[in-house]
Amino acid sequence: MVREAAVAGQFYPGDAHSLSGMIDEFLSRAKKSDYTGEILGLVSPHAGYVFSGQTAASVFKQLTGKKIDTVILIGSSHNYRIKDAAVWSGGDFSTPLGNVHIDEDIVKIITAGNTGIKINNEPHYPEHSLEVQIPFLQKVLGNFKLVPILINDMEFSDDLANILFKSVQGKKVVFVASTDMTHYPDKKNAEIVDNDILKAIEKFDTAELIKRDAKWLSQGIPNLHCTLCGLPAVVSVMKVCKMLGCDSAKIISYSNSAASEYGDEKRVVGYGGVAFIKTGKKTDIKNENISKKEFALTKESQIELLSIARESITRYLETGKQYKFGTKNKEIQQDGAVFVTLEKNHNLRGCIGTTEARMPIYEAVSQLALAAAFEDTRFLPVTKSEMKDIEIEISVLSPIKKISSADEIIEGKHGVVVKKGFRSGLFLPQVWEHPQLAKKEDFMSELCYQKAGLPRDAWKKGDVDIYIFTVFAFKEK
């Protein structure tokens, strides 16, 4: 079975000669960017070639001369409301330039588990967002295999990134996130928003990107429908590229539909091109003690741990005894350092944890949930009547790493521990989300004063030990 081209003759020429000539012309005008390292991921637009073809060509020009086994192509469905990530497994993808085989080995791996990543061919048949990338790849790479994925729900970006990381080991792959940018403000607003979103991507920080997306959508800009129509695809690609060692994002190109002879400056779509690069800089290797890749747990493990936390508290309230849980889930049988946080009506109600991995994660969650509910001396013990209003968050910590100065702390990413003598204090990375503590100066000063009982500027003195860590955090919905 073959997936025939759905938008040939509409988004791009329908005959091989015209299509090949158009792409050659685009590529001849595109420039190879100056960078050091290996490109593992790309962001490319998916409009008709008369609008975004030159931007896409600038993106794929970066792959010229490279040998790639498989392209993992991730976009969004414009025709179906899909909840799960939909993976194609229905035979070759066809374009006027020929057929591209599917990498069925990777498809089998990523759809084998009980996750939200499933074989679902139906939404792929009419979809243009993946198809329009393929002729460029055929011209630049020649022979390669393909894994087409559609994802509309951010909920599955972590699972998708984690399983893709495991599935591509030992293969030469490149990930491509297919997305256009702003829809459909005027030219001036499009360029303002697109520039800010590209800066967020360039920072290589998915949390910051999601935050800026929400910020712009709340501004009331006329006709602004979205900042990235393929936001879940972009976030998924950023996450897996980070796991694979990418440490740099480079903006390759930007344009918008107003530049086309068919464009309208009053109703614009933006087009951006980005590369995610593994530079291998020695300055980054020293941070690998935190983790080779960003730690994550499957959705099943998250659900089980949240259930254990809540059950531990409710059973204790009913019986006065700690219930001993068991599990067959090997992922949460590994030792881990954990914090359990309780919130009531968005206010802190208890938080207890440890920075050392002393017991299996599921046991730590059970014990620390009880400690947060009944032993946090800042609060009265949680009562049975409160439980309906309590929201539980679990944070699993990486090993902590001592650093030489606060310059190594990355805002929005690192949790921090400060120690001086018998005094110490800890802030989880989630604390960065408080507007008053979003800057390093405020974050560190409050950590010293509030948590460690030290002067606010103690962290600047040189006699305070500073440690950093990352977390994988998840909460009840």
Foldseek 3Di string as FASTA:
>chain_A
DEQEDQQDVNLADQAPVRRVVVLVVLLVPADADDDFFDFAEKEWEFGRCLFGVNQLSNQLNNCAPPAFAEEEEEFAQPPDDQAAKEKEDDFWYAGNNGTAGAPVQLVCQLAVDPASYHHDHVSVNNDRQRVRNPVSCCVRHPHYHYIYIHHQDLVCLVSLLVSSLVSQPPGRYHYYYYKWFWWWAAQVVLVVLLVVLVVQVQQLDLVSNVVSFVVVVPPPGPRGPGGISGSSSSSSNSQNLQLVQFDGKDWRDKDKRCPRPPRDRRTIIIITMMTTGRNVDPVCVVPCLQDSHDDDDGPVVVVVLQVLLLCQVLVCLVPVDGDDDDDPDPVQQDFFWKKKWKDFPNHTQFIDTDLDRDGGNSVRSSVNSCCRQPPRVVHHHDHPVRSVRIKMKMKTKGHKDWDQAPVPDDFLFKKKWKDADPFIFTDASCVCVPPQCVDPLRVQLCRCCVGRVHHSCPRVPRRMIMIIIGIHMDIDD
